[in-house]
Amino acid sequence: SKDLKGAMETLIEQKRQQLSTVEKLDEHMDFASQLIFAQNRGDLTAENVNQCVLEMMIAAPDTLSVTLFFMLILIAEHPTVEEEMMREIETVVGKQELQS
């Protein structure tokens, strides 16, 4: 837990440094950036920011796997949608082999 917390602090500090050097902020305004700016305004503490980012990192695999599961079920239940998706993939990828 201590190592994970330290890694989060390092990542947040890297993000903070990145934000300090960008010319156009609107291209870099993701959730972590919003949290950092909230801390700069005094709305959040550094611990609040660290905890929010940590929870996003930990929660994502669970929610992503559930979302993908239901997406695959819906595709399987709607073959015409699957066919349309495959046509679009073929249009974009062409004859190339699909990669992760």
N, C-alpha and C. Protein backbone atom coordinates (compact mmCIF):
# COMPACT_ATOMS: atom_id res chain seq x y z
N SER A 1 0.83 -1.20 0.00
CA SER A 1 0.00 0.00 0.00
C SER A 1 0.87 1.26 0.00
N LYS A 2 1.97 1.21 0.76
CA LYS A 2 2.86 2.36 0.83
C LYS A 2 3.52 2.61 -0.53
N ASP A 3 3.93 1.51 -1.21
CA ASP A 3 4.54 1.64 -2.53
C ASP A 3 3.56 2.21 -3.54
N LEU A 4 2.31 1.73 -3.49
CA LEU A 4 1.27 2.22 -4.40
C LEU A 4 1.00 3.70 -4.16
N LYS A 5 0.93 4.08 -2.90
CA LYS A 5 0.70 5.49 -2.57
C LYS A 5 1.85 6.37 -3.06
N GLY A 6 3.06 5.88 -2.90
CA GLY A 6 4.22 6.62 -3.39
C GLY A 6 4.22 6.75 -4.90
N ALA A 7 3.82 5.68 -5.58
CA ALA A 7 3.75 5.70 -7.05
C ALA A 7 2.70 6.72 -7.50
N MET A 8 1.55 6.77 -6.81
CA MET A 8 0.50 7.74 -7.16
C MET A 8 1.01 9.16 -6.98
N GLU A 9 1.71 9.40 -5.88
CA GLU A 9 2.25 10.74 -5.64
C GLU A 9 3.22 11.14 -6.73
N THR A 10 4.04 10.18 -7.18
CA THR A 10 4.99 10.45 -8.26
C THR A 10 4.27 10.78 -9.55
N LEU A 11 3.24 9.98 -9.89
CA LEU A 11 2.47 10.23 -11.11
C LEU A 11 1.77 11.58 -11.07
N ILE A 12 1.21 11.93 -9.92
CA ILE A 12 0.51 13.21 -9.80
C ILE A 12 1.51 14.36 -9.94
N GLU A 13 2.69 14.20 -9.37
CA GLU A 13 3.70 15.25 -9.49
C GLU A 13 4.15 15.39 -10.94
N GLN A 14 4.29 14.27 -11.64
CA GLN A 14 4.64 14.34 -13.07
C GLN A 14 3.56 15.07 -13.85
N LYS A 15 2.29 14.79 -13.55
CA LYS A 15 1.17 15.47 -14.20
C LYS A 15 1.21 16.96 -13.89
N ARG A 16 1.49 17.30 -12.63
CA ARG A 16 1.58 18.70 -12.23
C ARG A 16 2.67 19.43 -13.02
N GLN A 17 3.82 18.78 -13.19
CA GLN A 17 4.92 19.36 -13.96
C GLN A 17 4.52 19.53 -15.43
N GLN A 18 3.83 18.52 -15.96
CA GLN A 18 3.38 18.60 -17.35
C GLN A 18 2.43 19.78 -17.54
N LEU A 19 1.51 19.95 -16.61
CA LEU A 19 0.54 21.05 -16.71
C LEU A 19 1.22 22.41 -16.65
N SER A 20 2.33 22.49 -15.93
CA SER A 20 3.01 23.78 -15.78
C SER A 20 3.75 24.19 -17.05
N THR A 21 3.93 23.25 -17.99
CA THR A 21 4.69 23.57 -19.20
C THR A 21 3.85 23.62 -20.48
N VAL A 22 2.56 23.27 -20.39
CA VAL A 22 1.75 23.27 -21.61
C VAL A 22 1.31 24.69 -21.98
N GLU A 23 1.16 24.90 -23.27
CA GLU A 23 0.72 26.21 -23.74
C GLU A 23 -0.79 26.35 -23.72
N LYS A 24 -1.50 25.29 -24.14
CA LYS A 24 -2.96 25.32 -24.19
C LYS A 24 -3.51 24.33 -23.18
N LEU A 25 -4.08 24.82 -22.11
CA LEU A 25 -4.60 23.96 -21.06
C LEU A 25 -5.79 23.13 -21.50
N ASP A 26 -6.62 23.69 -22.38
CA ASP A 26 -7.85 22.99 -22.74
C ASP A 26 -7.60 21.63 -23.38
N GLU A 27 -6.42 21.40 -23.93
CA GLU A 27 -6.08 20.11 -24.53
C GLU A 27 -5.66 19.09 -23.49
N HIS A 28 -5.43 19.54 -22.25
CA HIS A 28 -4.91 18.66 -21.21
C HIS A 28 -5.82 18.62 -19.99
N MET A 29 -7.08 18.98 -20.15
CA MET A 29 -7.98 19.07 -19.00
C MET A 29 -8.72 17.76 -18.75
N ASP A 30 -8.01 16.77 -18.27
CA ASP A 30 -8.63 15.52 -17.89
C ASP A 30 -8.99 15.57 -16.40
N PHE A 31 -9.49 14.46 -15.87
CA PHE A 31 -9.95 14.43 -14.49
C PHE A 31 -8.81 14.71 -13.51
N ALA A 32 -7.63 14.14 -13.75
CA ALA A 32 -6.49 14.38 -12.85
C ALA A 32 -6.12 15.85 -12.85
N SER A 33 -6.17 16.49 -14.01
CA SER A 33 -5.86 17.92 -14.10
C SER A 33 -6.86 18.74 -13.29
N GLN A 34 -8.13 18.38 -13.41
CA GLN A 34 -9.17 19.08 -12.64
C GLN A 34 -8.90 18.96 -11.14
N LEU A 35 -8.50 17.76 -10.71
CA LEU A 35 -8.18 17.56 -9.29
C LEU A 35 -7.01 18.42 -8.85
N ILE A 36 -5.98 18.48 -9.67
CA ILE A 36 -4.80 19.28 -9.34
C ILE A 36 -5.17 20.76 -9.23
N PHE A 37 -5.98 21.25 -10.16
CA PHE A 37 -6.39 22.65 -10.09
C PHE A 37 -7.29 22.91 -8.88
N ALA A 38 -8.11 21.94 -8.51
CA ALA A 38 -8.93 22.09 -7.31
C ALA A 38 -8.04 22.18 -6.07
N GLN A 39 -6.96 21.42 -6.06
CA GLN A 39 -6.02 21.52 -4.94
C GLN A 39 -5.34 22.89 -4.94
N ASN A 40 -4.94 23.37 -6.13
CA ASN A 40 -4.30 24.68 -6.22
C ASN A 40 -5.21 25.80 -5.71
N ARG A 41 -6.52 25.64 -5.92
CA ARG A 41 -7.50 26.65 -5.45
C ARG A 41 -7.78 26.50 -3.96
N GLY A 42 -7.35 25.37 -3.37
CA GLY A 42 -7.62 25.13 -1.96
C GLY A 42 -8.90 24.37 -1.71
N ASP A 43 -9.53 23.87 -2.78
CA ASP A 43 -10.77 23.10 -2.63
C ASP A 43 -10.51 21.67 -2.16
N LEU A 44 -9.33 21.14 -2.48
CA LEU A 44 -8.95 19.78 -2.08
C LEU A 44 -7.56 19.80 -1.46
N THR A 45 -7.28 18.80 -0.63
CA THR A 45 -5.93 18.65 -0.10
C THR A 45 -5.15 17.72 -1.03
N ALA A 46 -3.84 17.67 -0.85
CA ALA A 46 -3.01 16.75 -1.63
C ALA A 46 -3.45 15.31 -1.38
N GLU A 47 -3.83 15.00 -0.14
CA GLU A 47 -4.31 13.66 0.19
C GLU A 47 -5.60 13.33 -0.56
N ASN A 48 -6.51 14.32 -0.67
CA ASN A 48 -7.75 14.12 -1.44
C ASN A 48 -7.43 13.76 -2.89
N VAL A 49 -6.51 14.51 -3.49
CA VAL A 49 -6.15 14.28 -4.89
C VAL A 49 -5.55 12.89 -5.05
N ASN A 50 -4.61 12.54 -4.16
CA ASN A 50 -3.97 11.22 -4.23
C ASN A 50 -5.01 10.11 -4.11
N GLN A 51 -5.94 10.25 -3.18
CA GLN A 51 -6.96 9.22 -2.96
C GLN A 51 -7.88 9.07 -4.18
N CYS A 52 -8.28 10.18 -4.77
CA CYS A 52 -9.15 10.13 -5.95
C CYS A 52 -8.46 9.43 -7.12
N VAL A 53 -7.20 9.78 -7.37
CA VAL A 53 -6.47 9.16 -8.47
C VAL A 53 -6.27 7.67 -8.20
N LEU A 54 -5.92 7.34 -6.96
CA LEU A 54 -5.73 5.94 -6.58
C LEU A 54 -7.02 5.14 -6.80
N GLU A 55 -8.15 5.68 -6.38
CA GLU A 55 -9.42 4.99 -6.55
C GLU A 55 -9.77 4.81 -8.02
N MET A 56 -9.45 5.81 -8.84
CA MET A 56 -9.69 5.66 -10.29
C MET A 56 -8.87 4.51 -10.85
N MET A 57 -7.62 4.41 -10.43
CA MET A 57 -6.73 3.37 -10.95
C MET A 57 -7.17 1.98 -10.49
N ILE A 58 -7.62 1.87 -9.26
CA ILE A 58 -8.02 0.57 -8.72
C ILE A 58 -9.39 0.15 -9.25
N ALA A 59 -10.31 1.08 -9.37
CA ALA A 59 -11.68 0.75 -9.77
C ALA A 59 -11.79 0.43 -11.26
N ALA A 60 -10.96 1.02 -12.07
CA ALA A 60 -11.10 0.89 -13.53
C ALA A 60 -11.13 -0.55 -14.03
N PRO A 61 -10.25 -1.44 -13.59
CA PRO A 61 -10.30 -2.81 -14.14
C PRO A 61 -11.64 -3.51 -13.88
N ASP A 62 -12.22 -3.33 -12.70
CA ASP A 62 -13.50 -3.97 -12.40
C ASP A 62 -14.62 -3.43 -13.27
N THR A 63 -14.74 -2.12 -13.33
CA THR A 63 -15.84 -1.54 -14.10
C THR A 63 -15.64 -1.80 -15.59
N LEU A 64 -14.40 -1.78 -16.04
CA LEU A 64 -14.12 -2.04 -17.46
C LEU A 64 -14.50 -3.47 -17.83
N SER A 65 -14.16 -4.42 -16.98
CA SER A 65 -14.47 -5.81 -17.32
C SER A 65 -15.98 -6.04 -17.36
N VAL A 66 -16.73 -5.44 -16.45
CA VAL A 66 -18.19 -5.58 -16.46
C VAL A 66 -18.77 -4.93 -17.71
N THR A 67 -18.29 -3.75 -18.05
CA THR A 67 -18.77 -3.05 -19.24
C THR A 67 -18.49 -3.86 -20.50
N LEU A 68 -17.28 -4.38 -20.64
CA LEU A 68 -16.95 -5.20 -21.81
C LEU A 68 -17.81 -6.46 -21.88
N PHE A 69 -18.07 -7.08 -20.74
CA PHE A 69 -18.90 -8.27 -20.69
C PHE A 69 -20.29 -7.97 -21.26
N PHE A 70 -20.91 -6.90 -20.78
CA PHE A 70 -22.26 -6.56 -21.26
C PHE A 70 -22.24 -6.11 -22.72
N MET A 71 -21.18 -5.44 -23.13
CA MET A 71 -21.07 -5.03 -24.53
C MET A 71 -21.03 -6.27 -25.42
N LEU A 72 -20.25 -7.28 -25.03
CA LEU A 72 -20.15 -8.50 -25.83
C LEU A 72 -21.48 -9.26 -25.87
N ILE A 73 -22.18 -9.28 -24.75
CA ILE A 73 -23.50 -9.92 -24.74
C ILE A 73 -24.45 -9.21 -25.70
N LEU A 74 -24.46 -7.88 -25.65
CA LEU A 74 -25.36 -7.12 -26.52
C LEU A 74 -25.01 -7.33 -27.99
N ILE A 75 -23.72 -7.38 -28.30
CA ILE A 75 -23.31 -7.63 -29.69
C ILE A 75 -23.79 -9.02 -30.13
N ALA A 76 -23.62 -10.00 -29.25
CA ALA A 76 -24.05 -11.37 -29.58
C ALA A 76 -25.55 -11.46 -29.80
N GLU A 77 -26.30 -10.64 -29.08
CA GLU A 77 -27.76 -10.67 -29.21
C GLU A 77 -28.27 -9.88 -30.41
N HIS A 78 -27.40 -9.08 -31.03
CA HIS A 78 -27.81 -8.26 -32.16
C HIS A 78 -26.84 -8.47 -33.33
N PRO A 79 -27.03 -9.55 -34.09
CA PRO A 79 -26.09 -9.91 -35.17
C PRO A 79 -25.96 -8.83 -36.25
N THR A 80 -27.00 -8.06 -36.51
CA THR A 80 -26.87 -7.02 -37.53
C THR A 80 -25.90 -5.93 -37.08
N VAL A 81 -25.91 -5.63 -35.78
CA VAL A 81 -24.96 -4.65 -35.23
C VAL A 81 -23.54 -5.21 -35.36
N GLU A 82 -23.38 -6.50 -35.05
CA GLU A 82 -22.06 -7.14 -35.18
C GLU A 82 -21.56 -7.05 -36.61
N GLU A 83 -22.45 -7.31 -37.57
CA GLU A 83 -22.06 -7.24 -38.99
C GLU A 83 -21.64 -5.83 -39.36
N GLU A 84 -22.37 -4.83 -38.90
CA GLU A 84 -22.01 -3.43 -39.18
C GLU A 84 -20.65 -3.09 -38.57
N MET A 85 -20.43 -3.57 -37.35
CA MET A 85 -19.14 -3.31 -36.70
C MET A 85 -17.99 -3.94 -37.50
N MET A 86 -18.19 -5.17 -37.94
CA MET A 86 -17.15 -5.86 -38.70
C MET A 86 -16.87 -5.14 -40.03
N ARG A 87 -17.93 -4.65 -40.69
CA ARG A 87 -17.73 -3.88 -41.94
C ARG A 87 -16.92 -2.62 -41.66
N GLU A 88 -17.23 -1.94 -40.56
CA GLU A 88 -16.49 -0.72 -40.24
C GLU A 88 -15.03 -1.03 -39.94
N ILE A 89 -14.79 -2.10 -39.20
CA ILE A 89 -13.40 -2.50 -38.90
C ILE A 89 -12.65 -2.80 -40.19
N GLU A 90 -13.28 -3.55 -41.09
CA GLU A 90 -12.65 -3.88 -42.37
C GLU A 90 -12.38 -2.64 -43.19
N THR A 91 -13.29 -1.66 -43.13
CA THR A 91 -13.10 -0.41 -43.87
C THR A 91 -11.88 0.34 -43.35
N VAL A 92 -11.73 0.38 -42.04
CA VAL A 92 -10.62 1.12 -41.43
C VAL A 92 -9.31 0.36 -41.52
N VAL A 93 -9.33 -0.93 -41.20
CA VAL A 93 -8.11 -1.73 -41.12
C VAL A 93 -7.70 -2.30 -42.47
N GLY A 94 -8.67 -2.58 -43.32
CA GLY A 94 -8.37 -3.19 -44.61
C GLY A 94 -7.94 -4.63 -44.45
N LYS A 95 -6.92 -5.02 -45.18
CA LYS A 95 -6.44 -6.40 -45.15
C LYS A 95 -5.38 -6.64 -44.07
N GLN A 96 -5.04 -5.61 -43.32
CA GLN A 96 -4.04 -5.76 -42.26
C GLN A 96 -4.55 -6.71 -41.18
N GLU A 97 -3.61 -7.34 -40.50
CA GLU A 97 -3.98 -8.19 -39.38
C GLU A 97 -4.33 -7.31 -38.18
N LEU A 98 -5.41 -7.66 -37.46
CA LEU A 98 -5.79 -6.89 -36.27
C LEU A 98 -4.78 -7.08 -35.17
N GLN A 99 -4.54 -6.01 -34.43
CA GLN A 99 -3.62 -6.05 -33.30
C GLN A 99 -4.30 -5.51 -32.07
N SER A 100 -3.79 -5.85 -30.89
CA SER A 100 -4.36 -5.34 -29.65
C SER A 100 -4.25 -3.83 -29.60
